[in-house]
Amino acid sequence: MTEPLKVMLWNANGIQKRKQQLEVTLENEGVDICLLTETHLNKNANLRFQNYVIYSTSHPDNPCRGGSAILVKKSIKHYEDDSISSNDYQATTITIETSFNPVQLTALYSPP
């Protein structure tokens, strides 16, 4: 990958109820990677976005609170790294393969 990437950070405050708004923003802004915080997803969530792969980390107690996720365009060469789910924070990490060096990106949610 040699082209610049457009990366966006978004505090979702519940992604399921704001999915349509996020989809429109991703398309209109040409976002390649979206780091999401406060997703409020549990381990059973089955969320999908057209043209994107989603990786998510939920709160360890599995309630619909906290959480992080990363949306990455399917066309970008990448892989998921280990996620961390604790009461103190939830972190989702991917590595992007570039023509120079691999680049890691992490979406992290830590409650106040």
PDB file of N, CA and C in Angstrom:
ATOM      1  N   MET A   1       0.841  -1.178   0.000  1.00  0.00           N
ATOM      2  CA  MET A   1       0.000   0.000   0.000  1.00  0.00           C
ATOM      3  C   MET A   1       0.887   1.243   0.000  1.00  0.00           C
ATOM      4  N   THR A   2       0.705   2.099  -0.976  1.00  0.00           N
ATOM      5  CA  THR A   2       1.497   3.326  -1.066  1.00  0.00           C
ATOM      6  C   THR A   2       0.624   4.579  -1.032  1.00  0.00           C
ATOM      7  N   GLU A   3      -0.679   4.396  -1.118  1.00  0.00           N
ATOM      8  CA  GLU A   3      -1.584   5.543  -1.115  1.00  0.00           C
ATOM      9  C   GLU A   3      -1.885   5.980   0.316  1.00  0.00           C
ATOM     10  N   PRO A   4      -2.161   7.281   0.517  1.00  0.00           N
ATOM     11  CA  PRO A   4      -2.544   7.738   1.865  1.00  0.00           C
ATOM     12  C   PRO A   4      -3.860   7.095   2.293  1.00  0.00           C
ATOM     13  N   LEU A   5      -3.981   6.856   3.569  1.00  0.00           N
ATOM     14  CA  LEU A   5      -5.212   6.308   4.129  1.00  0.00           C
ATOM     15  C   LEU A   5      -6.001   7.401   4.831  1.00  0.00           C
ATOM     16  N   LYS A   6      -7.294   7.287   4.765  1.00  0.00           N
ATOM     17  CA  LYS A   6      -8.156   8.202   5.507  1.00  0.00           C
ATOM     18  C   LYS A   6      -8.690   7.429   6.711  1.00  0.00           C
ATOM     19  N   VAL A   7      -8.246   7.848   7.906  1.00  0.00           N
ATOM     20  CA  VAL A   7      -8.609   7.181   9.152  1.00  0.00           C
ATOM     21  C   VAL A   7      -9.509   8.105   9.959  1.00  0.00           C
ATOM     22  N   MET A   8     -10.560   7.534  10.522  1.00  0.00           N
ATOM     23  CA  MET A   8     -11.519   8.305  11.292  1.00  0.00           C
ATOM     24  C   MET A   8     -11.685   7.668  12.671  1.00  0.00           C
ATOM     25  N   LEU A   9     -11.797   8.492  13.707  1.00  0.00           N
ATOM     26  CA  LEU A   9     -12.125   8.044  15.053  1.00  0.00           C
ATOM     27  C   LEU A   9     -13.530   8.528  15.370  1.00  0.00           C
ATOM     28  N   TRP A  10     -14.361   7.620  15.891  1.00  0.00           N
ATOM     29  CA  TRP A  10     -15.746   7.978  16.174  1.00  0.00           C
ATOM     30  C   TRP A  10     -16.196   7.345  17.482  1.00  0.00           C
ATOM     31  N   ASN A  11     -16.656   8.159  18.422  1.00  0.00           N
ATOM     32  CA  ASN A  11     -17.258   7.646  19.648  1.00  0.00           C
ATOM     33  C   ASN A  11     -18.718   7.369  19.329  1.00  0.00           C
ATOM     34  N   ALA A  12     -19.041   6.100  19.231  1.00  0.00           N
ATOM     35  CA  ALA A  12     -20.357   5.696  18.743  1.00  0.00           C
ATOM     36  C   ALA A  12     -21.479   5.901  19.760  1.00  0.00           C
ATOM     37  N   ASN A  13     -21.182   5.724  21.056  1.00  0.00           N
ATOM     38  CA  ASN A  13     -22.213   5.781  22.089  1.00  0.00           C
ATOM     39  C   ASN A  13     -23.391   4.872  21.717  1.00  0.00           C
ATOM     40  N   GLY A  14     -23.041   3.675  21.228  1.00  0.00           N
ATOM     41  CA  GLY A  14     -24.044   2.692  20.807  1.00  0.00           C
ATOM     42  C   GLY A  14     -24.117   2.621  19.295  1.00  0.00           C
ATOM     43  N   ILE A  15     -23.322   1.745  18.694  1.00  0.00           N
ATOM     44  CA  ILE A  15     -23.201   1.692  17.224  1.00  0.00           C
ATOM     45  C   ILE A  15     -24.472   1.191  16.547  1.00  0.00           C
ATOM     46  N   GLN A  16     -25.196   0.279  17.172  1.00  0.00           N
ATOM     47  CA  GLN A  16     -26.372  -0.295  16.497  1.00  0.00           C
ATOM     48  C   GLN A  16     -27.409   0.767  16.152  1.00  0.00           C
ATOM     49  N   LYS A  17     -27.629   1.722  17.053  1.00  0.00           N
ATOM     50  CA  LYS A  17     -28.647   2.746  16.790  1.00  0.00           C
ATOM     51  C   LYS A  17     -28.118   3.876  15.903  1.00  0.00           C
ATOM     52  N   ARG A  18     -26.821   3.883  15.620  1.00  0.00           N
ATOM     53  CA  ARG A  18     -26.232   4.925  14.765  1.00  0.00           C
ATOM     54  C   ARG A  18     -25.561   4.355  13.510  1.00  0.00           C
ATOM     55  N   LYS A  19     -25.855   3.113  13.205  1.00  0.00           N
ATOM     56  CA  LYS A  19     -25.221   2.422  12.074  1.00  0.00           C
ATOM     57  C   LYS A  19     -25.461   3.143  10.751  1.00  0.00           C
ATOM     58  N   GLN A  20     -26.684   3.534  10.494  1.00  0.00           N
ATOM     59  CA  GLN A  20     -26.999   4.196   9.223  1.00  0.00           C
ATOM     60  C   GLN A  20     -26.235   5.515   9.090  1.00  0.00           C
ATOM     61  N   GLN A  21     -26.165   6.287  10.154  1.00  0.00           N
ATOM     62  CA  GLN A  21     -25.417   7.548  10.139  1.00  0.00           C
ATOM     63  C   GLN A  21     -23.944   7.296   9.849  1.00  0.00           C
ATOM     64  N   LEU A  22     -23.379   6.251  10.458  1.00  0.00           N
ATOM     65  CA  LEU A  22     -21.971   5.922  10.227  1.00  0.00           C
ATOM     66  C   LEU A  22     -21.743   5.479   8.788  1.00  0.00           C
ATOM     67  N   GLU A  23     -22.627   4.664   8.249  1.00  0.00           N
ATOM     68  CA  GLU A  23     -22.486   4.209   6.862  1.00  0.00           C
ATOM     69  C   GLU A  23     -22.459   5.383   5.884  1.00  0.00           C
ATOM     70  N   VAL A  24     -23.333   6.348   6.084  1.00  0.00           N
ATOM     71  CA  VAL A  24     -23.377   7.528   5.218  1.00  0.00           C
ATOM     72  C   VAL A  24     -22.075   8.322   5.347  1.00  0.00           C
ATOM     73  N   THR A  25     -21.589   8.495   6.570  1.00  0.00           N
ATOM     74  CA  THR A  25     -20.344   9.232   6.800  1.00  0.00           C
ATOM     75  C   THR A  25     -19.155   8.526   6.153  1.00  0.00           C
ATOM     76  N   LEU A  26     -19.070   7.219   6.314  1.00  0.00           N
ATOM     77  CA  LEU A  26     -17.968   6.451   5.713  1.00  0.00           C
ATOM     78  C   LEU A  26     -17.944   6.646   4.195  1.00  0.00           C
ATOM     79  N   GLU A  27     -19.111   6.565   3.588  1.00  0.00           N
ATOM     80  CA  GLU A  27     -19.217   6.710   2.133  1.00  0.00           C
ATOM     81  C   GLU A  27     -18.908   8.140   1.689  1.00  0.00           C
ATOM     82  N   ASN A  28     -19.540   9.117   2.323  1.00  0.00           N
ATOM     83  CA  ASN A  28     -19.367  10.520   1.913  1.00  0.00           C
ATOM     84  C   ASN A  28     -17.939  11.016   2.097  1.00  0.00           C
ATOM     85  N   GLU A  29     -17.284  10.556   3.160  1.00  0.00           N
ATOM     86  CA  GLU A  29     -15.928  11.029   3.471  1.00  0.00           C
ATOM     87  C   GLU A  29     -14.828  10.144   2.892  1.00  0.00           C
ATOM     88  N   GLY A  30     -15.182   9.016   2.309  1.00  0.00           N
ATOM     89  CA  GLY A  30     -14.185   8.130   1.720  1.00  0.00           C
ATOM     90  C   GLY A  30     -13.243   7.540   2.762  1.00  0.00           C
ATOM     91  N   VAL A  31     -13.786   7.142   3.905  1.00  0.00           N
ATOM     92  CA  VAL A  31     -12.989   6.629   5.025  1.00  0.00           C
ATOM     93  C   VAL A  31     -12.494   5.216   4.704  1.00  0.00           C
ATOM     94  N   ASP A  32     -11.193   4.991   4.930  1.00  0.00           N
ATOM     95  CA  ASP A  32     -10.600   3.675   4.732  1.00  0.00           C
ATOM     96  C   ASP A  32     -10.661   2.830   5.999  1.00  0.00           C
ATOM     97  N   ILE A  33     -10.405   3.464   7.130  1.00  0.00           N
ATOM     98  CA  ILE A  33     -10.389   2.771   8.416  1.00  0.00           C
ATOM     99  C   ILE A  33     -11.111   3.641   9.436  1.00  0.00           C
ATOM    100  N   CYS A  34     -11.987   3.023  10.217  1.00  0.00           N
ATOM    101  CA  CYS A  34     -12.716   3.748  11.255  1.00  0.00           C
ATOM    102  C   CYS A  34     -12.462   3.073  12.593  1.00  0.00           C
ATOM    103  N   LEU A  35     -11.940   3.839  13.529  1.00  0.00           N
ATOM    104  CA  LEU A  35     -11.722   3.373  14.895  1.00  0.00           C
ATOM    105  C   LEU A  35     -12.940   3.789  15.709  1.00  0.00           C
ATOM    106  N   LEU A  36     -13.604   2.823  16.315  1.00  0.00           N
ATOM    107  CA  LEU A  36     -14.837   3.084  17.048  1.00  0.00           C
ATOM    108  C   LEU A  36     -14.647   2.843  18.541  1.00  0.00           C
ATOM    109  N   THR A  37     -15.197   3.726  19.344  1.00  0.00           N
ATOM    110  CA  THR A  37     -15.183   3.550  20.788  1.00  0.00           C
ATOM    111  C   THR A  37     -16.612   3.587  21.301  1.00  0.00           C
ATOM    112  N   GLU A  38     -16.803   3.032  22.481  1.00  0.00           N
ATOM    113  CA  GLU A  38     -18.113   2.984  23.123  1.00  0.00           C
ATOM    114  C   GLU A  38     -19.162   2.392  22.181  1.00  0.00           C
ATOM    115  N   THR A  39     -18.860   1.183  21.687  1.00  0.00           N
ATOM    116  CA  THR A  39     -19.730   0.524  20.707  1.00  0.00           C
ATOM    117  C   THR A  39     -21.002  -0.070  21.306  1.00  0.00           C
ATOM    118  N   HIS A  40     -20.950  -0.430  22.582  1.00  0.00           N
ATOM    119  CA  HIS A  40     -22.076  -1.064  23.277  1.00  0.00           C
ATOM    120  C   HIS A  40     -22.497  -2.373  22.613  1.00  0.00           C
ATOM    121  N   LEU A  41     -21.542  -3.109  22.050  1.00  0.00           N
ATOM    122  CA  LEU A  41     -21.821  -4.414  21.450  1.00  0.00           C
ATOM    123  C   LEU A  41     -21.513  -5.509  22.455  1.00  0.00           C
ATOM    124  N   ASN A  42     -22.271  -6.601  22.400  1.00  0.00           N
ATOM    125  CA  ASN A  42     -21.904  -7.761  23.203  1.00  0.00           C
ATOM    126  C   ASN A  42     -21.277  -8.811  22.282  1.00  0.00           C
ATOM    127  N   LYS A  43     -20.866  -9.925  22.850  1.00  0.00           N
ATOM    128  CA  LYS A  43     -20.148 -10.951  22.084  1.00  0.00           C
ATOM    129  C   LYS A  43     -21.006 -11.601  21.002  1.00  0.00           C
ATOM    130  N   ASN A  44     -22.315 -11.491  21.116  1.00  0.00           N
ATOM    131  CA  ASN A  44     -23.229 -12.113  20.156  1.00  0.00           C
ATOM    132  C   ASN A  44     -23.649 -11.180  19.026  1.00  0.00           C
ATOM    133  N   ALA A  45     -23.172  -9.965  19.041  1.00  0.00           N
ATOM    134  CA  ALA A  45     -23.571  -8.989  18.013  1.00  0.00           C
ATOM    135  C   ALA A  45     -23.097  -9.441  16.637  1.00  0.00           C
ATOM    136  N   ASN A  46     -23.934  -9.241  15.649  1.00  0.00           N
ATOM    137  CA  ASN A  46     -23.612  -9.607  14.271  1.00  0.00           C
ATOM    138  C   ASN A  46     -23.795  -8.372  13.395  1.00  0.00           C
ATOM    139  N   LEU A  47     -22.868  -7.442  13.514  1.00  0.00           N
ATOM    140  CA  LEU A  47     -22.939  -6.166  12.805  1.00  0.00           C
ATOM    141  C   LEU A  47     -22.134  -6.254  11.508  1.00  0.00           C
ATOM    142  N   ARG A  48     -22.689  -5.755  10.424  1.00  0.00           N
ATOM    143  CA  ARG A  48     -21.997  -5.784   9.128  1.00  0.00           C
ATOM    144  C   ARG A  48     -22.087  -4.424   8.451  1.00  0.00           C
ATOM    145  N   PHE A  49     -21.011  -4.097   7.731  1.00  0.00           N
ATOM    146  CA  PHE A  49     -20.952  -2.875   6.940  1.00  0.00           C
ATOM    147  C   PHE A  49     -20.487  -3.259   5.542  1.00  0.00           C
ATOM    148  N   GLN A  50     -21.170  -2.758   4.527  1.00  0.00           N
ATOM    149  CA  GLN A  50     -20.816  -3.069   3.149  1.00  0.00           C
ATOM    150  C   GLN A  50     -19.405  -2.577   2.843  1.00  0.00           C
ATOM    151  N   ASN A  51     -18.584  -3.423   2.246  1.00  0.00           N
ATOM    152  CA  ASN A  51     -17.209  -3.136   1.818  1.00  0.00           C
ATOM    153  C   ASN A  51     -16.210  -3.027   2.969  1.00  0.00           C
ATOM    154  N   TYR A  52     -16.629  -3.336   4.196  1.00  0.00           N
ATOM    155  CA  TYR A  52     -15.743  -3.252   5.352  1.00  0.00           C
ATOM    156  C   TYR A  52     -15.733  -4.570   6.121  1.00  0.00           C
ATOM    157  N   VAL A  53     -14.602  -4.841   6.735  1.00  0.00           N
ATOM    158  CA  VAL A  53     -14.478  -5.916   7.714  1.00  0.00           C
ATOM    159  C   VAL A  53     -14.535  -5.241   9.075  1.00  0.00           C
ATOM    160  N   ILE A  54     -15.225  -5.856  10.028  1.00  0.00           N
ATOM    161  CA  ILE A  54     -15.311  -5.276  11.365  1.00  0.00           C
ATOM    162  C   ILE A  54     -14.703  -6.235  12.384  1.00  0.00           C
ATOM    163  N   TYR A  55     -13.899  -5.667  13.263  1.00  0.00           N
ATOM    164  CA  TYR A  55     -13.331  -6.391  14.399  1.00  0.00           C
ATOM    165  C   TYR A  55     -13.797  -5.654  15.646  1.00  0.00           C
ATOM    166  N   SER A  56     -14.294  -6.386  16.633  1.00  0.00           N
ATOM    167  CA  SER A  56     -14.780  -5.697  17.823  1.00  0.00           C
ATOM    168  C   SER A  56     -14.364  -6.419  19.098  1.00  0.00           C
ATOM    169  N   THR A  57     -14.305  -5.642  20.160  1.00  0.00           N
ATOM    170  CA  THR A  57     -13.980  -6.144  21.492  1.00  0.00           C
ATOM    171  C   THR A  57     -15.047  -5.620  22.441  1.00  0.00           C
ATOM    172  N   SER A  58     -15.720  -6.537  23.104  1.00  0.00           N
ATOM    173  CA  SER A  58     -16.792  -6.126  24.021  1.00  0.00           C
ATOM    174  C   SER A  58     -16.292  -6.127  25.458  1.00  0.00           C
ATOM    175  N   HIS A  59     -17.089  -5.563  26.324  1.00  0.00           N
ATOM    176  CA  HIS A  59     -16.804  -5.555  27.762  1.00  0.00           C
ATOM    177  C   HIS A  59     -16.789  -7.007  28.245  1.00  0.00           C
ATOM    178  N   PRO A  60     -15.885  -7.373  29.173  1.00  0.00           N
ATOM    179  CA  PRO A  60     -15.772  -8.776  29.582  1.00  0.00           C
ATOM    180  C   PRO A  60     -17.020  -9.353  30.252  1.00  0.00           C
ATOM    181  N   ASP A  61     -17.839  -8.529  30.860  1.00  0.00           N
ATOM    182  CA  ASP A  61     -19.067  -9.016  31.486  1.00  0.00           C
ATOM    183  C   ASP A  61     -20.171  -9.259  30.461  1.00  0.00           C
ATOM    184  N   ASN A  62     -19.911  -8.913  29.197  1.00  0.00           N
ATOM    185  CA  ASN A  62     -20.806  -9.093  28.054  1.00  0.00           C
ATOM    186  C   ASN A  62     -22.096  -8.275  28.115  1.00  0.00           C
ATOM    187  N   PRO A  63     -22.114  -7.147  28.818  1.00  0.00           N
ATOM    188  CA  PRO A  63     -23.293  -6.279  28.717  1.00  0.00           C
ATOM    189  C   PRO A  63     -23.136  -5.373  27.494  1.00  0.00           C
ATOM    190  N   CYS A  64     -24.164  -4.696  27.151  1.00  0.00           N
ATOM    191  CA  CYS A  64     -24.085  -3.746  26.041  1.00  0.00           C
ATOM    192  C   CYS A  64     -23.604  -2.406  26.578  1.00  0.00           C
ATOM    193  N   ARG A  65     -22.310  -2.323  26.901  1.00  0.00           N
ATOM    194  CA  ARG A  65     -21.689  -1.074  27.349  1.00  0.00           C
ATOM    195  C   ARG A  65     -20.218  -1.115  26.970  1.00  0.00           C
ATOM    196  N   GLY A  66     -19.593   0.078  26.943  1.00  0.00           N
ATOM    197  CA  GLY A  66     -18.174   0.154  26.596  1.00  0.00           C
ATOM    198  C   GLY A  66     -17.905  -0.433  25.222  1.00  0.00           C
ATOM    199  N   GLY A  67     -16.721  -0.998  25.058  1.00  0.00           N
ATOM    200  CA  GLY A  67     -16.370  -1.690  23.828  1.00  0.00           C
ATOM    201  C   GLY A  67     -15.661  -0.823  22.806  1.00  0.00           C
ATOM    202  N   SER A  68     -14.923  -1.509  21.933  1.00  0.00           N
ATOM    203  CA  SER A  68     -14.218  -0.838  20.833  1.00  0.00           C
ATOM    204  C   SER A  68     -14.343  -1.701  19.588  1.00  0.00           C
ATOM    205  N   ALA A  69     -14.090  -1.083  18.441  1.00  0.00           N
ATOM    206  CA  ALA A  69     -14.145  -1.809  17.172  1.00  0.00           C
ATOM    207  C   ALA A  69     -13.326  -1.063  16.129  1.00  0.00           C
ATOM    208  N   ILE A  70     -12.972  -1.794  15.081  1.00  0.00           N
ATOM    209  CA  ILE A  70     -12.297  -1.198  13.934  1.00  0.00           C
ATOM    210  C   ILE A  70     -12.995  -1.691  12.677  1.00  0.00           C
ATOM    211  N   LEU A  71     -13.326  -0.741  11.813  1.00  0.00           N
ATOM    212  CA  LEU A  71     -13.824  -1.047  10.470  1.00  0.00           C
ATOM    213  C   LEU A  71     -12.683  -0.779   9.496  1.00  0.00           C
ATOM    214  N   VAL A  72     -12.385  -1.740   8.636  1.00  0.00           N
ATOM    215  CA  VAL A  72     -11.324  -1.560   7.650  1.00  0.00           C
ATOM    216  C   VAL A  72     -11.844  -2.032   6.291  1.00  0.00           C
ATOM    217  N   LYS A  73     -11.586  -1.247   5.267  1.00  0.00           N
ATOM    218  CA  LYS A  73     -12.038  -1.611   3.927  1.00  0.00           C
ATOM    219  C   LYS A  73     -11.479  -2.974   3.541  1.00  0.00           C
ATOM    220  N   LYS A  74     -12.308  -3.772   2.902  1.00  0.00           N
ATOM    221  CA  LYS A  74     -11.907  -5.118   2.497  1.00  0.00           C
ATOM    222  C   LYS A  74     -10.717  -5.113   1.551  1.00  0.00           C
ATOM    223  N   SER A  75     -10.526  -4.021   0.830  1.00  0.00           N
ATOM    224  CA  SER A  75      -9.437  -3.939  -0.151  1.00  0.00           C
ATOM    225  C   SER A  75      -8.072  -3.681   0.479  1.00  0.00           C
ATOM    226  N   ILE A  76      -8.026  -3.377   1.768  1.00  0.00           N
ATOM    227  CA  ILE A  76      -6.769  -3.074   2.452  1.00  0.00           C
ATOM    228  C   ILE A  76      -6.204  -4.353   3.050  1.00  0.00           C
ATOM    229  N   LYS A  77      -4.950  -4.636   2.736  1.00  0.00           N
ATOM    230  CA  LYS A  77      -4.291  -5.826   3.259  1.00  0.00           C
ATOM    231  C   LYS A  77      -3.990  -5.609   4.738  1.00  0.00           C
ATOM    232  N   HIS A  78      -4.566  -6.460   5.588  1.00  0.00           N
ATOM    233  CA  HIS A  78      -4.447  -6.281   7.030  1.00  0.00           C
ATOM    234  C   HIS A  78      -4.704  -7.602   7.734  1.00  0.00           C
ATOM    235  N   TYR A  79      -4.467  -7.606   9.025  1.00  0.00           N
ATOM    236  CA  TYR A  79      -4.867  -8.737   9.852  1.00  0.00           C
ATOM    237  C   TYR A  79      -5.169  -8.238  11.257  1.00  0.00           C
ATOM    238  N   GLU A  80      -5.979  -9.021  11.963  1.00  0.00           N
ATOM    239  CA  GLU A  80      -6.360  -8.665  13.325  1.00  0.00           C
ATOM    240  C   GLU A  80      -5.284  -9.140  14.298  1.00  0.00           C
ATOM    241  N   ASP A  81      -4.967  -8.306  15.270  1.00  0.00           N
ATOM    242  CA  ASP A  81      -4.051  -8.659  16.346  1.00  0.00           C
ATOM    243  C   ASP A  81      -4.872  -9.017  17.586  1.00  0.00           C
ATOM    244  N   ASP A  82      -4.181  -9.359  18.660  1.00  0.00           N
ATOM    245  CA  ASP A  82      -4.867  -9.696  19.904  1.00  0.00           C
ATOM    246  C   ASP A  82      -5.668  -8.505  20.415  1.00  0.00           C
ATOM    247  N   SER A  83      -6.853  -8.797  20.917  1.00  0.00           N
ATOM    248  CA  SER A  83      -7.660  -7.760  21.553  1.00  0.00           C
ATOM    249  C   SER A  83      -7.536  -7.910  23.066  1.00  0.00           C
ATOM    250  N   ILE A  84      -7.873  -6.853  23.771  1.00  0.00           N
ATOM    251  CA  ILE A  84      -7.835  -6.864  25.229  1.00  0.00           C
ATOM    252  C   ILE A  84      -9.205  -6.437  25.742  1.00  0.00           C
ATOM    253  N   SER A  85      -9.754  -7.273  26.615  1.00  0.00           N
ATOM    254  CA  SER A  85     -11.052  -6.972  27.204  1.00  0.00           C
ATOM    255  C   SER A  85     -10.930  -7.089  28.719  1.00  0.00           C
ATOM    256  N   SER A  86     -10.946  -5.950  29.382  1.00  0.00           N
ATOM    257  CA  SER A  86     -10.895  -5.923  30.848  1.00  0.00           C
ATOM    258  C   SER A  86     -11.928  -4.927  31.348  1.00  0.00           C
ATOM    259  N   ASN A  87     -12.139  -4.905  32.646  1.00  0.00           N
ATOM    260  CA  ASN A  87     -13.070  -3.928  33.202  1.00  0.00           C
ATOM    261  C   ASN A  87     -12.559  -2.504  33.033  1.00  0.00           C
ATOM    262  N   ASP A  88     -11.224  -2.351  32.957  1.00  0.00           N
ATOM    263  CA  ASP A  88     -10.610  -1.021  32.834  1.00  0.00           C
ATOM    264  C   ASP A  88     -10.628  -0.478  31.412  1.00  0.00           C
ATOM    265  N   TYR A  89     -10.505  -1.355  30.420  1.00  0.00           N
ATOM    266  CA  TYR A  89     -10.545  -0.900  29.029  1.00  0.00           C
ATOM    267  C   TYR A  89     -10.753  -2.066  28.073  1.00  0.00           C
ATOM    268  N   GLN A  90     -11.203  -1.711  26.860  1.00  0.00           N
ATOM    269  CA  GLN A  90     -11.367  -2.673  25.775  1.00  0.00           C
ATOM    270  C   GLN A  90     -10.595  -2.131  24.584  1.00  0.00           C
ATOM    271  N   ALA A  91      -9.720  -2.964  24.009  1.00  0.00           N
ATOM    272  CA  ALA A  91      -8.862  -2.529  22.906  1.00  0.00           C
ATOM    273  C   ALA A  91      -8.946  -3.509  21.746  1.00  0.00           C
ATOM    274  N   THR A  92      -9.132  -2.969  20.546  1.00  0.00           N
ATOM    275  CA  THR A  92      -9.147  -3.740  19.312  1.00  0.00           C
ATOM    276  C   THR A  92      -7.989  -3.248  18.462  1.00  0.00           C
ATOM    277  N   THR A  93      -7.157  -4.171  17.954  1.00  0.00           N
ATOM    278  CA  THR A  93      -5.961  -3.784  17.201  1.00  0.00           C
ATOM    279  C   THR A  93      -5.877  -4.553  15.889  1.00  0.00           C
ATOM    280  N   ILE A  94      -5.474  -3.834  14.843  1.00  0.00           N
ATOM    281  CA  ILE A  94      -5.171  -4.460  13.550  1.00  0.00           C
ATOM    282  C   ILE A  94      -3.777  -4.019  13.109  1.00  0.00           C
ATOM    283  N   THR A  95      -3.210  -4.777  12.198  1.00  0.00           N
ATOM    284  CA  THR A  95      -1.960  -4.401  11.547  1.00  0.00           C
ATOM    285  C   THR A  95      -2.225  -4.295  10.057  1.00  0.00           C
ATOM    286  N   ILE A  96      -1.789  -3.190   9.479  1.00  0.00           N
ATOM    287  CA  ILE A  96      -1.935  -2.942   8.047  1.00  0.00           C
ATOM    288  C   ILE A  96      -0.598  -3.216   7.385  1.00  0.00           C
ATOM    289  N   GLU A  97      -0.631  -3.960   6.308  1.00  0.00           N
ATOM    290  CA  GLU A  97       0.583  -4.214   5.527  1.00  0.00           C
ATOM    291  C   GLU A  97       0.782  -3.037   4.569  1.00  0.00           C
ATOM    292  N   THR A  98       1.937  -2.386   4.659  1.00  0.00           N
ATOM    293  CA  THR A  98       2.261  -1.288   3.753  1.00  0.00           C
ATOM    294  C   THR A  98       3.492  -1.678   2.950  1.00  0.00           C
ATOM    295  N   SER A  99       3.848  -0.880   1.972  1.00  0.00           N
ATOM    296  CA  SER A  99       5.033  -1.163   1.170  1.00  0.00           C
ATOM    297  C   SER A  99       6.313  -0.838   1.931  1.00  0.00           C
ATOM    298  N   PHE A 100       6.194  -0.176   3.080  1.00  0.00           N
ATOM    299  CA  PHE A 100       7.367   0.169   3.886  1.00  0.00           C
ATOM    300  C   PHE A 100       7.448  -0.742   5.105  1.00  0.00           C
ATOM    301  N   ASN A 101       6.653  -0.487   6.101  1.00  0.00           N
ATOM    302  CA  ASN A 101       6.608  -1.263   7.334  1.00  0.00           C
ATOM    303  C   ASN A 101       5.161  -1.517   7.715  1.00  0.00           C
ATOM    304  N   PRO A 102       4.911  -2.586   8.467  1.00  0.00           N
ATOM    305  CA  PRO A 102       3.545  -2.781   8.976  1.00  0.00           C
ATOM    306  C   PRO A 102       3.181  -1.649   9.942  1.00  0.00           C
ATOM    307  N   VAL A 103       1.921  -1.289   9.961  1.00  0.00           N
ATOM    308  CA  VAL A 103       1.431  -0.225  10.836  1.00  0.00           C
ATOM    309  C   VAL A 103       0.302  -0.795  11.697  1.00  0.00           C
ATOM    310  N   GLN A 104       0.400  -0.600  13.003  1.00  0.00           N
ATOM    311  CA  GLN A 104      -0.659  -1.044  13.911  1.00  0.00           C
ATOM    312  C   GLN A 104      -1.565   0.115  14.277  1.00  0.00           C
ATOM    313  N   LEU A 105      -2.866  -0.178  14.322  1.00  0.00           N
ATOM    314  CA  LEU A 105      -3.868   0.793  14.753  1.00  0.00           C
ATOM    315  C   LEU A 105      -4.713   0.137  15.834  1.00  0.00           C
ATOM    316  N   THR A 106      -5.011   0.906  16.885  1.00  0.00           N
ATOM    317  CA  THR A 106      -5.796   0.400  17.993  1.00  0.00           C
ATOM    318  C   THR A 106      -6.947   1.341  18.306  1.00  0.00           C
ATOM    319  N   ALA A 107      -8.134   0.788  18.459  1.00  0.00           N
ATOM    320  CA  ALA A 107      -9.285   1.523  18.986  1.00  0.00           C
ATOM    321  C   ALA A 107      -9.399   1.107  20.439  1.00  0.00           C
ATOM    322  N   LEU A 108      -9.410   2.083  21.338  1.00  0.00           N
ATOM    323  CA  LEU A 108      -9.406   1.783  22.766  1.00  0.00           C
ATOM    324  C   LEU A 108     -10.501   2.581  23.473  1.00  0.00           C
ATOM    325  N   TYR A 109     -11.289   1.850  24.276  1.00  0.00           N
ATOM    326  CA  TYR A 109     -12.287   2.522  25.110  1.00  0.00           C
ATOM    327  C   TYR A 109     -11.938   2.284  26.555  1.00  0.00           C
ATOM    328  N   SER A 110     -11.870   3.372  27.320  1.00  0.00           N
ATOM    329  CA  SER A 110     -11.638   3.316  28.759  1.00  0.00           C
ATOM    330  C   SER A 110     -12.690   4.190  29.424  1.00  0.00           C
ATOM    331  N   PRO A 111     -13.523   3.589  30.276  1.00  0.00           N
ATOM    332  CA  PRO A 111     -14.595   4.383  30.879  1.00  0.00           C
ATOM    333  C   PRO A 111     -14.063   5.452  31.815  1.00  0.00           C
ATOM    334  N   PRO A 112     -14.830   6.525  31.983  1.00  0.00           N
ATOM    335  CA  PRO A 112     -14.398   7.612  32.866  1.00  0.00           C
ATOM    336  C   PRO A 112     -14.271   7.145  34.310  1.00  0.00           C
TER     337      PRO A 112
END
